[in-house]
Amino acid sequence: MKRSAILWAGLLATVLAVLAGGLPNAVAMAAEQPSGSGSAAASDAADGTHGGSEGDSDTGAASRTTDADGADDAPAGDPSAGKELYWPLPWSGHATLIYDEAIDQLRTKGASSRVWRSRASVEIRSQPRAEGGHALSWITGDVEIAFISGIDEDEQTLVRTLAEAVQGLPASVRVDAEGGFVAIENLSELGAHVRRIVGAMFDKSLKDALARIDDPDQRAAAEARAHDQQPGILSSLASDEILGQQLAGKITPLLFPAGGGLIPDTRYEWQEAGTNMLGGDPLPLSTAFELQRDGGANGMIRALHTRNLDAEAAEPILRASMRAHAIRAGVPEPSIEEITRSIAGIRAEYRAEYLIDPATGIVHRLEVTKTSGAQGVEEIENAVLVLREAIAVAQAGEQEK
């Protein structure tokens, strides 16, 4: 495969992976309020203030559906039937939440596969902000990586190096008074750190590649081309924007159901405009969310959030975006054939399953599955967060003494 084709395949894989795990957005989730309910969630959704995220995402009005028999499946005589269910923000009474994280990744192409997994701890510390909302410090530590198949020793070394470099580096996350994601406030610092690492990886790979070219003139020409293209490649793969989307894709699923405000046993569906990391028009997504009572799980609430790319509608947008991106990044413009190969069979799917304690608002278990693919290549990431410990505000104060 030509180097330019490999570059575009890599960029498109990044776009689809970010899209599959991009910023959840609850705007318009409850835009169609039940008749006579006076739904606060619906009015919040209309102005984009409940559980959503800032950015250029746009959504259409949501529609409500109930069970196949047309009725909300609430227990007989339940006075809460048809009413929104609210719960506290998880950090309103807890200074620190600690989770165990397990991530399994699979990449397949034909009969070949690449499989690796990681295990880590995630610590989320919270502090109220004087101007409202909270500041969350999101820290990943104790990372252990196991390579199962299809990954050579050089790649294993690079992955471990990157994981170790970012381990313990906190992302400073600002959330609003309703628990919605606002921004990662130290993104520039994190981005500069990651670009240094990616740049070092690029330099090592280039050195190894040049060593395999015997002709001095060809080697010099290849080195000059690589250095000319390096800034554009680093910008495409490790810009603040892309890093912010990737981090937000890990952080916002846990924030998404904060505060509740929806009707149990009701499915909400809406169209969403997903972020296009190549620039250009946003990419169309079909999204749904529902809460389910779970009387057998100690009063817990289960929730399901899905988001799927409309591949047919996205194809012409991606074609135009790839050409425009090449011009901005200063890399060769892809041919029609390269674009066609790159977007063949595109898919991006997101599924998040929650187990929530409505008494505290704490998510006790979250499983997120992201699936993306094109050109006969499929990538699946399954990430599970399980609550290990919740340290209450009073406990945290005692520990500090």
Foldseek 3Di string as FASTA:
>chain_A
DDPVLVLLLVLVVLQQQLLLLFFDACQQLCCPAPPPQPFPSNVCSPVRNALGEDDPKDWDHKDKAFDPVRAHPDPPPPPCASHFAWFAFQCPWFFKFKWKKKKWKWKDFPPDIWIKIKIWMWMWGWDADPVFFIKIWIAIAPIDMDTDDDADPVRVVLVVVLCVQCHGPIFIWTAGNNLYTYFRPCLVVVLVSNLVSVVVVLVVVLVVVLVPDDDPVVSVVVVVVCVVLVVLSSCSPRNSVSVRRVVSSVPSVQSRCRTTRGGASMKMKIKMFTDRSLDFGTFIKIKMKHWYFDPPPVRKIKMKIKIKTPLVVCLVRQLVSQQVSCVVSVHDRDDPVSSCLSSAPWIWMKMKMFIADRHNRGTQKIWMWIWTDGNSMIMIMIMMIGTDDTHTPVNVVVVVD
